[in-house]
Every structure is written in structure tokens, then in C-alpha cells.
Amino acid sequence: MAYKKKIPMRKCLGCNEVRPKKELIRIVRSPDGTVSIDSKGKVSGRGCYICPTLQCFDKAIKDKKIDKALETKISDELITLLRESVADGE
């Protein structure tokens, strides 16, 4: 009998679709307060997930869902940097 490995699932803040964790981008607020994209999924801190599309990112920013999930205000400069990173991954 073959062992089937469990795939961790997470919900996108933009489209609210549940997808495998590896298909999503993790945005994390580290304990020192810096917000960044966690490409490995191992950085400690408070995180949230979005699909690697600009539509989901823009919707999550517009509705302030990322701000609420990370419990911090995201600056306009950081939004621009995160948007570029998401666009590169698309």
C-alpha cells in the first residue's frame, strides 16, 4: 500500500481560492516589522498568501486584506516593490 503525502493547502487573499501552498506567494512580516516576500516559505513571522497573479495582488491591496492579515500598514513604496516581485513571478 503506497503512502500518500499530505499537501498543505492555503487560501489566497485576493480570490479566496484554496490552493496548494507551493503554488502561492507568501508575504511575511518578520518579528522586527519588515514586510517582504518569503520565497522559501520558512521565514519566521506573520504571513499571508496570494496567487502569483497581479489581479489577486491588486484585489488584496485594494481591499486592504494584506494590511489586515499582517496587522501592519504597508507603505506605497513597499506595495510597488511587492507588485514588481509578483509581476516577475507571473
Protein backbone atom coordinates (compact mmCIF):
# COMPACT_ATOMS: atom_id res chain seq x y z
CA MET A 1 0.00 0.00 0.00
CA ALA A 2 1.51 3.33 -1.09
CA TYR A 3 1.75 6.19 1.36
CA LYS A 4 0.18 9.41 0.07
CA LYS A 5 1.88 12.56 1.35
CA LYS A 6 -0.40 15.31 2.63
CA ILE A 7 -0.25 18.53 0.60
CA PRO A 8 -0.60 21.70 2.71
CA MET A 9 -3.34 23.99 1.39
CA ARG A 10 -3.64 27.77 1.86
CA LYS A 11 -6.22 30.40 0.84
CA CYS A 12 -5.37 33.30 -1.47
CA LEU A 13 -6.32 36.71 -0.04
CA GLY A 14 -7.23 38.03 -3.49
CA CYS A 15 -9.56 35.41 -4.93
CA ASN A 16 -10.26 33.35 -1.76
CA GLU A 17 -9.40 30.17 -3.64
CA VAL A 18 -7.77 27.33 -1.68
CA ARG A 19 -4.66 26.06 -3.45
CA PRO A 20 -1.53 24.07 -2.63
CA LYS A 21 0.92 26.11 -0.58
CA LYS A 22 3.71 25.76 -3.17
CA GLU A 23 1.58 27.43 -5.86
CA LEU A 24 1.10 30.60 -3.80
CA ILE A 25 3.37 33.51 -2.84
CA ARG A 26 3.90 34.13 0.87
CA ILE A 27 4.16 37.69 2.13
CA VAL A 28 5.57 37.84 5.65
CA ARG A 29 6.01 40.43 8.40
CA SER A 30 9.07 39.42 10.38
CA PRO A 31 9.30 39.99 14.16
CA ASP A 32 11.33 43.19 13.58
CA GLY A 33 8.47 44.63 11.48
CA THR A 34 9.86 44.37 7.95
CA VAL A 35 7.50 43.10 5.25
CA SER A 36 8.87 41.01 2.40
CA ILE A 37 8.15 38.11 0.07
CA ASP A 38 9.17 34.75 1.51
CA SER A 39 10.27 32.64 -1.44
CA LYS A 40 11.25 29.59 0.66
CA GLY A 41 8.25 29.60 2.99
CA LYS A 42 10.48 29.27 6.05
CA VAL A 43 10.90 32.85 7.32
CA SER A 44 9.53 33.29 10.83
CA GLY A 45 6.80 35.84 11.31
CA ARG A 46 3.20 36.54 10.44
CA GLY A 47 2.39 35.58 6.87
CA CYS A 48 -0.34 35.60 4.25
CA TYR A 49 -0.67 34.04 0.82
CA ILE A 50 -1.67 35.30 -2.62
CA CYS A 51 -1.80 33.74 -6.09
CA PRO A 52 1.14 34.69 -8.34
CA THR A 53 -1.06 37.00 -10.44
CA LEU A 54 -1.36 40.77 -10.46
CA GLN A 55 -5.17 40.54 -10.34
CA CYS A 56 -5.10 38.78 -6.96
CA PHE A 57 -2.39 41.09 -5.63
CA ASP A 58 -4.25 44.24 -6.72
CA LYS A 59 -7.53 43.00 -5.22
CA ALA A 60 -5.84 42.13 -1.91
CA ILE A 61 -4.19 45.57 -1.77
CA LYS A 62 -7.38 47.42 -2.78
CA ASP A 63 -9.43 45.67 -0.10
CA LYS A 64 -6.58 46.13 2.45
CA LYS A 65 -6.60 42.38 3.13
CA ILE A 66 -2.79 42.18 3.29
CA ASP A 67 -2.70 45.03 5.84
CA LYS A 68 -5.26 43.21 7.99
CA ALA A 69 -3.58 39.80 7.69
CA LEU A 70 -0.13 41.14 8.60
CA GLU A 71 -1.54 43.53 11.23
CA THR A 72 0.51 46.43 9.89
CA LYS A 73 0.22 49.34 7.43
CA ILE A 74 2.06 48.69 4.17
CA SER A 75 3.74 51.76 2.63
CA ASP A 76 3.27 52.76 -1.02
CA GLU A 77 6.97 52.11 -1.76
CA LEU A 78 6.66 48.58 -0.38
CA ILE A 79 3.48 47.98 -2.39
CA THR A 80 5.40 48.95 -5.54
CA LEU A 81 8.27 46.58 -4.69
CA LEU A 82 5.90 43.70 -3.88
CA ARG A 83 3.95 44.35 -7.08
CA GLU A 84 7.15 44.14 -9.13
CA SER A 85 8.08 40.87 -7.42
CA VAL A 86 4.66 39.39 -8.13
CA ALA A 87 4.86 40.57 -11.76
CA ASP A 88 8.27 38.88 -12.13
CA GLY A 89 6.83 35.61 -10.83
CA GLU A 90 3.84 35.75 -13.16
